[in-house]
Amino acid sequence: MLLEFWEAALKSEVGIAIQTDNRNVLRNHLYKARAEANNPELDEIVMILPEREDEIWLVRKDADGIGANNQDYPKLIHP
């Protein structure tokens, strides 16, 4: 299930936002799933912890200017 978030971010134009009630736990599980996948394509995705403490963003590295002028925010996905 968690690897699907990384894959969804990889397929998206900008990235995805994942809503959670425990950001630290989800962050740790996401990193573990990414490491276990051993997929070099996932290196194109970075994790961002935005000001909203109930979200984690998985964003493409080449998504320049994300959030500039409140544009191009990632698509929200609910786990």
PDB file of N, CA and C in Angstrom:
ATOM      1  N   MET A   1       0.823  -1.209   0.000  1.00  0.00           N
ATOM      2  CA  MET A   1       0.000   0.000   0.000  1.00  0.00           C
ATOM      3  C   MET A   1       0.858   1.260   0.000  1.00  0.00           C
ATOM      4  N   LEU A   2       1.865   1.318   0.855  1.00  0.00           N
ATOM      5  CA  LEU A   2       2.670   2.536   0.957  1.00  0.00           C
ATOM      6  C   LEU A   2       3.491   2.796  -0.297  1.00  0.00           C
ATOM      7  N   LEU A   3       3.955   1.740  -0.942  1.00  0.00           N
ATOM      8  CA  LEU A   3       4.702   1.910  -2.180  1.00  0.00           C
ATOM      9  C   LEU A   3       3.831   2.552  -3.251  1.00  0.00           C
ATOM     10  N   GLU A   4       2.536   2.314  -3.179  1.00  0.00           N
ATOM     11  CA  GLU A   4       1.610   2.907  -4.145  1.00  0.00           C
ATOM     12  C   GLU A   4       1.627   4.432  -4.087  1.00  0.00           C
ATOM     13  N   PHE A   5       1.867   5.006  -2.916  1.00  0.00           N
ATOM     14  CA  PHE A   5       1.968   6.464  -2.816  1.00  0.00           C
ATOM     15  C   PHE A   5       3.174   6.969  -3.602  1.00  0.00           C
ATOM     16  N   TRP A   6       4.322   6.302  -3.442  1.00  0.00           N
ATOM     17  CA  TRP A   6       5.527   6.695  -4.190  1.00  0.00           C
ATOM     18  C   TRP A   6       5.290   6.572  -5.689  1.00  0.00           C
ATOM     19  N   GLU A   7       4.648   5.473  -6.099  1.00  0.00           N
ATOM     20  CA  GLU A   7       4.385   5.256  -7.515  1.00  0.00           C
ATOM     21  C   GLU A   7       3.399   6.280  -8.067  1.00  0.00           C
ATOM     22  N   ALA A   8       2.409   6.660  -7.282  1.00  0.00           N
ATOM     23  CA  ALA A   8       1.448   7.685  -7.714  1.00  0.00           C
ATOM     24  C   ALA A   8       2.151   9.023  -7.898  1.00  0.00           C
ATOM     25  N   ALA A   9       3.069   9.345  -6.999  1.00  0.00           N
ATOM     26  CA  ALA A   9       3.825  10.592  -7.124  1.00  0.00           C
ATOM     27  C   ALA A   9       4.696  10.562  -8.369  1.00  0.00           C
ATOM     28  N   LEU A  10       5.275   9.426  -8.661  1.00  0.00           N
ATOM     29  CA  LEU A  10       6.128   9.275  -9.832  1.00  0.00           C
ATOM     30  C   LEU A  10       5.337   9.457 -11.120  1.00  0.00           C
ATOM     31  N   LYS A  11       4.091   9.002 -11.122  1.00  0.00           N
ATOM     32  CA  LYS A  11       3.239   9.106 -12.314  1.00  0.00           C
ATOM     33  C   LYS A  11       2.608  10.484 -12.474  1.00  0.00           C
ATOM     34  N   SER A  12       2.591  11.270 -11.403  1.00  0.00           N
ATOM     35  CA  SER A  12       1.918  12.569 -11.461  1.00  0.00           C
ATOM     36  C   SER A  12       2.819  13.631 -12.073  1.00  0.00           C
ATOM     37  N   GLU A  13       2.199  14.720 -12.456  1.00  0.00           N
ATOM     38  CA  GLU A  13       2.953  15.824 -13.062  1.00  0.00           C
ATOM     39  C   GLU A  13       3.788  16.560 -12.022  1.00  0.00           C
ATOM     40  N   VAL A  14       3.232  16.772 -10.838  1.00  0.00           N
ATOM     41  CA  VAL A  14       3.905  17.523  -9.781  1.00  0.00           C
ATOM     42  C   VAL A  14       4.202  16.642  -8.579  1.00  0.00           C
ATOM     43  N   GLY A  15       3.204  15.936  -8.101  1.00  0.00           N
ATOM     44  CA  GLY A  15       3.356  15.102  -6.919  1.00  0.00           C
ATOM     45  C   GLY A  15       2.011  14.878  -6.265  1.00  0.00           C
ATOM     46  N   ILE A  16       2.058  14.313  -5.072  1.00  0.00           N
ATOM     47  CA  ILE A  16       0.824  14.050  -4.341  1.00  0.00           C
ATOM     48  C   ILE A  16       0.963  14.547  -2.910  1.00  0.00           C
ATOM     49  N   ALA A  17      -0.161  14.813  -2.290  1.00  0.00           N
ATOM     50  CA  ALA A  17      -0.226  15.146  -0.863  1.00  0.00           C
ATOM     51  C   ALA A  17      -1.006  14.033  -0.182  1.00  0.00           C
ATOM     52  N   ILE A  18      -0.467  13.554   0.911  1.00  0.00           N
ATOM     53  CA  ILE A  18      -1.116  12.478   1.657  1.00  0.00           C
ATOM     54  C   ILE A  18      -1.564  13.045   2.988  1.00  0.00           C
ATOM     55  N   GLN A  19      -2.833  12.901   3.289  1.00  0.00           N
ATOM     56  CA  GLN A  19      -3.364  13.384   4.551  1.00  0.00           C
ATOM     57  C   GLN A  19      -3.232  12.287   5.607  1.00  0.00           C
ATOM     58  N   THR A  20      -2.783  12.672   6.802  1.00  0.00           N
ATOM     59  CA  THR A  20      -2.535  11.700   7.857  1.00  0.00           C
ATOM     60  C   THR A  20      -2.814  12.305   9.225  1.00  0.00           C
ATOM     61  N   ASP A  21      -3.077  11.449  10.185  1.00  0.00           N
ATOM     62  CA  ASP A  21      -3.264  11.933  11.552  1.00  0.00           C
ATOM     63  C   ASP A  21      -1.993  11.740  12.382  1.00  0.00           C
ATOM     64  N   ASN A  22      -0.969  11.090  11.809  1.00  0.00           N
ATOM     65  CA  ASN A  22       0.312  10.932  12.509  1.00  0.00           C
ATOM     66  C   ASN A  22       1.433  10.996  11.477  1.00  0.00           C
ATOM     67  N   ARG A  23       1.891  12.199  11.226  1.00  0.00           N
ATOM     68  CA  ARG A  23       2.856  12.443  10.164  1.00  0.00           C
ATOM     69  C   ARG A  23       4.189  11.724  10.404  1.00  0.00           C
ATOM     70  N   ASN A  24       4.661  11.694  11.634  1.00  0.00           N
ATOM     71  CA  ASN A  24       5.955  11.068  11.905  1.00  0.00           C
ATOM     72  C   ASN A  24       5.933   9.573  11.633  1.00  0.00           C
ATOM     73  N   VAL A  25       4.877   8.900  12.055  1.00  0.00           N
ATOM     74  CA  VAL A  25       4.775   7.466  11.821  1.00  0.00           C
ATOM     75  C   VAL A  25       4.670   7.179  10.322  1.00  0.00           C
ATOM     76  N   LEU A  26       3.803   7.907   9.625  1.00  0.00           N
ATOM     77  CA  LEU A  26       3.655   7.694   8.187  1.00  0.00           C
ATOM     78  C   LEU A  26       4.957   7.979   7.458  1.00  0.00           C
ATOM     79  N   ARG A  27       5.648   9.031   7.834  1.00  0.00           N
ATOM     80  CA  ARG A  27       6.931   9.368   7.197  1.00  0.00           C
ATOM     81  C   ARG A  27       7.910   8.200   7.319  1.00  0.00           C
ATOM     82  N   ASN A  28       8.029   7.638   8.508  1.00  0.00           N
ATOM     83  CA  ASN A  28       8.946   6.521   8.714  1.00  0.00           C
ATOM     84  C   ASN A  28       8.557   5.308   7.872  1.00  0.00           C
ATOM     85  N   HIS A  29       7.264   5.010   7.807  1.00  0.00           N
ATOM     86  CA  HIS A  29       6.805   3.862   7.023  1.00  0.00           C
ATOM     87  C   HIS A  29       6.995   4.099   5.522  1.00  0.00           C
ATOM     88  N   LEU A  30       6.797   5.335   5.079  1.00  0.00           N
ATOM     89  CA  LEU A  30       7.013   5.649   3.665  1.00  0.00           C
ATOM     90  C   LEU A  30       8.474   5.466   3.280  1.00  0.00           C
ATOM     91  N   TYR A  31       9.387   5.954   4.118  1.00  0.00           N
ATOM     92  CA  TYR A  31      10.813   5.790   3.829  1.00  0.00           C
ATOM     93  C   TYR A  31      11.200   4.319   3.799  1.00  0.00           C
ATOM     94  N   LYS A  32      10.653   3.532   4.711  1.00  0.00           N
ATOM     95  CA  LYS A  32      10.958   2.105   4.751  1.00  0.00           C
ATOM     96  C   LYS A  32      10.464   1.413   3.478  1.00  0.00           C
ATOM     97  N   ALA A  33       9.253   1.729   3.055  1.00  0.00           N
ATOM     98  CA  ALA A  33       8.694   1.133   1.840  1.00  0.00           C
ATOM     99  C   ALA A  33       9.536   1.496   0.626  1.00  0.00           C
ATOM    100  N   ARG A  34       9.990   2.735   0.581  1.00  0.00           N
ATOM    101  CA  ARG A  34      10.834   3.181  -0.544  1.00  0.00           C
ATOM    102  C   ARG A  34      12.150   2.418  -0.554  1.00  0.00           C
ATOM    103  N   ALA A  35      12.784   2.266   0.602  1.00  0.00           N
ATOM    104  CA  ALA A  35      14.062   1.561   0.687  1.00  0.00           C
ATOM    105  C   ALA A  35      13.899   0.096   0.290  1.00  0.00           C
ATOM    106  N   GLU A  36      12.834  -0.536   0.757  1.00  0.00           N
ATOM    107  CA  GLU A  36      12.610  -1.948   0.453  1.00  0.00           C
ATOM    108  C   GLU A  36      12.279  -2.174  -1.020  1.00  0.00           C
ATOM    109  N   ALA A  37      11.717  -1.169  -1.675  1.00  0.00           N
ATOM    110  CA  ALA A  37      11.376  -1.295  -3.095  1.00  0.00           C
ATOM    111  C   ALA A  37      12.640  -1.348  -3.955  1.00  0.00           C
ATOM    112  N   ASN A  38      13.696  -0.697  -3.494  1.00  0.00           N
ATOM    113  CA  ASN A  38      14.965  -0.690  -4.219  1.00  0.00           C
ATOM    114  C   ASN A  38      14.762  -0.310  -5.688  1.00  0.00           C
ATOM    115  N   ASN A  39      13.978   0.748  -5.905  1.00  0.00           N
ATOM    116  CA  ASN A  39      13.643   1.209  -7.249  1.00  0.00           C
ATOM    117  C   ASN A  39      14.321   2.559  -7.488  1.00  0.00           C
ATOM    118  N   PRO A  40      15.344   2.630  -8.342  1.00  0.00           N
ATOM    119  CA  PRO A  40      16.052   3.889  -8.565  1.00  0.00           C
ATOM    120  C   PRO A  40      15.176   4.996  -9.157  1.00  0.00           C
ATOM    121  N   GLU A  41      14.075   4.639  -9.800  1.00  0.00           N
ATOM    122  CA  GLU A  41      13.172   5.661 -10.340  1.00  0.00           C
ATOM    123  C   GLU A  41      12.574   6.521  -9.226  1.00  0.00           C
ATOM    124  N   LEU A  42      12.442   5.941  -8.032  1.00  0.00           N
ATOM    125  CA  LEU A  42      11.855   6.696  -6.914  1.00  0.00           C
ATOM    126  C   LEU A  42      12.784   7.790  -6.407  1.00  0.00           C
ATOM    127  N   ASP A  43      14.034   7.794  -6.868  1.00  0.00           N
ATOM    128  CA  ASP A  43      14.962   8.874  -6.504  1.00  0.00           C
ATOM    129  C   ASP A  43      14.514  10.217  -7.070  1.00  0.00           C
ATOM    130  N   GLU A  44      13.575  10.192  -8.020  1.00  0.00           N
ATOM    131  CA  GLU A  44      13.039  11.425  -8.605  1.00  0.00           C
ATOM    132  C   GLU A  44      12.004  12.089  -7.708  1.00  0.00           C
ATOM    133  N   ILE A  45      11.635  11.421  -6.623  1.00  0.00           N
ATOM    134  CA  ILE A  45      10.602  11.927  -5.718  1.00  0.00           C
ATOM    135  C   ILE A  45      11.232  12.307  -4.385  1.00  0.00           C
ATOM    136  N   VAL A  46      10.850  13.471  -3.870  1.00  0.00           N
ATOM    137  CA  VAL A  46      11.303  13.908  -2.547  1.00  0.00           C
ATOM    138  C   VAL A  46      10.092  14.047  -1.633  1.00  0.00           C
ATOM    139  N   MET A  47      10.330  13.881  -0.347  1.00  0.00           N
ATOM    140  CA  MET A  47       9.281  14.048   0.649  1.00  0.00           C
ATOM    141  C   MET A  47       9.389  15.445   1.240  1.00  0.00           C
ATOM    142  N   ILE A  48       8.273  16.129   1.305  1.00  0.00           N
ATOM    143  CA  ILE A  48       8.213  17.475   1.885  1.00  0.00           C
ATOM    144  C   ILE A  48       7.213  17.449   3.031  1.00  0.00           C
ATOM    145  N   LEU A  49       7.598  18.059   4.143  1.00  0.00           N
ATOM    146  CA  LEU A  49       6.691  18.224   5.270  1.00  0.00           C
ATOM    147  C   LEU A  49       6.217  19.674   5.260  1.00  0.00           C
ATOM    148  N   PRO A  50       5.028  19.927   4.710  1.00  0.00           N
ATOM    149  CA  PRO A  50       4.528  21.301   4.616  1.00  0.00           C
ATOM    150  C   PRO A  50       4.104  21.845   5.981  1.00  0.00           C
ATOM    151  N   GLU A  51       3.726  23.100   6.016  1.00  0.00           N
ATOM    152  CA  GLU A  51       3.289  23.720   7.267  1.00  0.00           C
ATOM    153  C   GLU A  51       2.087  22.995   7.860  1.00  0.00           C
ATOM    154  N   ARG A  52       1.214  22.508   7.025  1.00  0.00           N
ATOM    155  CA  ARG A  52       0.054  21.745   7.523  1.00  0.00           C
ATOM    156  C   ARG A  52       0.559  20.443   8.110  1.00  0.00           C
ATOM    157  N   GLU A  53       0.381  20.256   9.389  1.00  0.00           N
ATOM    158  CA  GLU A  53       0.942  19.092  10.073  1.00  0.00           C
ATOM    159  C   GLU A  53       0.164  17.806   9.829  1.00  0.00           C
ATOM    160  N   ASP A  54      -0.919  17.877   9.054  1.00  0.00           N
ATOM    161  CA  ASP A  54      -1.677  16.662   8.754  1.00  0.00           C
ATOM    162  C   ASP A  54      -1.429  16.179   7.326  1.00  0.00           C
ATOM    163  N   GLU A  55      -0.344  16.660   6.693  1.00  0.00           N
ATOM    164  CA  GLU A  55      -0.022  16.270   5.324  1.00  0.00           C
ATOM    165  C   GLU A  55       1.456  15.931   5.164  1.00  0.00           C
ATOM    166  N   ILE A  56       1.713  15.070   4.217  1.00  0.00           N
ATOM    167  CA  ILE A  56       3.052  14.791   3.699  1.00  0.00           C
ATOM    168  C   ILE A  56       2.945  14.913   2.191  1.00  0.00           C
ATOM    169  N   TRP A  57       3.905  15.589   1.577  1.00  0.00           N
ATOM    170  CA  TRP A  57       3.920  15.708   0.130  1.00  0.00           C
ATOM    171  C   TRP A  57       5.032  14.843  -0.432  1.00  0.00           C
ATOM    172  N   LEU A  58       4.723  14.099  -1.470  1.00  0.00           N
ATOM    173  CA  LEU A  58       5.713  13.395  -2.266  1.00  0.00           C
ATOM    174  C   LEU A  58       5.730  14.094  -3.615  1.00  0.00           C
ATOM    175  N   VAL A  59       6.837  14.765  -3.915  1.00  0.00           N
ATOM    176  CA  VAL A  59       6.896  15.705  -5.031  1.00  0.00           C
ATOM    177  C   VAL A  59       8.052  15.357  -5.959  1.00  0.00           C
ATOM    178  N   ARG A  60       7.822  15.509  -7.238  1.00  0.00           N
ATOM    179  CA  ARG A  60       8.887  15.298  -8.233  1.00  0.00           C
ATOM    180  C   ARG A  60       9.977  16.357  -8.044  1.00  0.00           C
ATOM    181  N   LYS A  61      11.223  15.933  -8.127  1.00  0.00           N
ATOM    182  CA  LYS A  61      12.344  16.866  -7.982  1.00  0.00           C
ATOM    183  C   LYS A  61      12.310  17.953  -9.047  1.00  0.00           C
ATOM    184  N   ASP A  62      11.810  17.635 -10.226  1.00  0.00           N
ATOM    185  CA  ASP A  62      11.793  18.607 -11.320  1.00  0.00           C
ATOM    186  C   ASP A  62      10.551  19.498 -11.313  1.00  0.00           C
ATOM    187  N   ALA A  63       9.779  19.472 -10.240  1.00  0.00           N
ATOM    188  CA  ALA A  63       8.582  20.318 -10.124  1.00  0.00           C
ATOM    189  C   ALA A  63       8.997  21.680  -9.591  1.00  0.00           C
ATOM    190  N   ASP A  64       9.635  22.474 -10.430  1.00  0.00           N
ATOM    191  CA  ASP A  64      10.133  23.799 -10.030  1.00  0.00           C
ATOM    192  C   ASP A  64       9.000  24.705  -9.582  1.00  0.00           C
ATOM    193  N   GLY A  65       9.257  25.437  -8.530  1.00  0.00           N
ATOM    194  CA  GLY A  65       8.334  26.468  -8.088  1.00  0.00           C
ATOM    195  C   GLY A  65       7.070  25.956  -7.432  1.00  0.00           C
ATOM    196  N   ILE A  66       7.088  24.746  -6.907  1.00  0.00           N
ATOM    197  CA  ILE A  66       5.879  24.242  -6.274  1.00  0.00           C
ATOM    198  C   ILE A  66       5.467  25.174  -5.143  1.00  0.00           C
ATOM    199  N   GLY A  67       4.232  25.522  -5.145  1.00  0.00           N
ATOM    200  CA  GLY A  67       3.706  26.379  -4.100  1.00  0.00           C
ATOM    201  C   GLY A  67       3.880  27.868  -4.369  1.00  0.00           C
ATOM    202  N   ALA A  68       4.617  28.222  -5.378  1.00  0.00           N
ATOM    203  CA  ALA A  68       4.803  29.634  -5.681  1.00  0.00           C
ATOM    204  C   ALA A  68       3.454  30.248  -6.032  1.00  0.00           C
ATOM    205  N   ASN A  69       3.113  31.312  -5.352  1.00  0.00           N
ATOM    206  CA  ASN A  69       1.839  32.001  -5.568  1.00  0.00           C
ATOM    207  C   ASN A  69       0.640  31.068  -5.419  1.00  0.00           C
ATOM    208  N   ASN A  70       0.764  30.090  -4.526  1.00  0.00           N
ATOM    209  CA  ASN A  70      -0.317  29.135  -4.255  1.00  0.00           C
ATOM    210  C   ASN A  70      -0.758  28.372  -5.501  1.00  0.00           C
ATOM    211  N   GLN A  71       0.174  28.072  -6.391  1.00  0.00           N
ATOM    212  CA  GLN A  71      -0.136  27.312  -7.595  1.00  0.00           C
ATOM    213  C   GLN A  71       0.580  25.977  -7.555  1.00  0.00           C
ATOM    214  N   ASP A  72       0.068  25.033  -8.315  1.00  0.00           N
ATOM    215  CA  ASP A  72       0.714  23.740  -8.511  1.00  0.00           C
ATOM    216  C   ASP A  72       0.914  22.937  -7.239  1.00  0.00           C
ATOM    217  N   TYR A  73      -0.031  22.974  -6.330  1.00  0.00           N
ATOM    218  CA  TYR A  73       0.063  22.111  -5.161  1.00  0.00           C
ATOM    219  C   TYR A  73      -0.214  20.679  -5.587  1.00  0.00           C
ATOM    220  N   PRO A  74       0.369  19.729  -4.895  1.00  0.00           N
ATOM    221  CA  PRO A  74       0.123  18.330  -5.263  1.00  0.00           C
ATOM    222  C   PRO A  74      -1.328  17.937  -5.047  1.00  0.00           C
ATOM    223  N   LYS A  75      -1.749  16.943  -5.798  1.00  0.00           N
ATOM    224  CA  LYS A  75      -3.093  16.386  -5.651  1.00  0.00           C
ATOM    225  C   LYS A  75      -3.184  15.658  -4.310  1.00  0.00           C
ATOM    226  N   LEU A  76      -4.230  15.900  -3.576  1.00  0.00           N
ATOM    227  CA  LEU A  76      -4.406  15.296  -2.249  1.00  0.00           C
ATOM    228  C   LEU A  76      -4.922  13.870  -2.384  1.00  0.00           C
ATOM    229  N   ILE A  77      -4.256  12.958  -1.688  1.00  0.00           N
ATOM    230  CA  ILE A  77      -4.681  11.563  -1.618  1.00  0.00           C
ATOM    231  C   ILE A  77      -4.922  11.208  -0.165  1.00  0.00           C
ATOM    232  N   HIS A  78      -6.043  10.577   0.100  1.00  0.00           N
ATOM    233  CA  HIS A  78      -6.360  10.132   1.463  1.00  0.00           C
ATOM    234  C   HIS A  78      -6.000   8.665   1.594  1.00  0.00           C
ATOM    235  N   PRO A  79      -5.205   8.317   2.613  1.00  0.00           N
ATOM    236  CA  PRO A  79      -4.859   6.900   2.793  1.00  0.00           C
ATOM    237  C   PRO A  79      -6.063   6.064   3.202  1.00  0.00           C
TER     238      PRO A  79
END
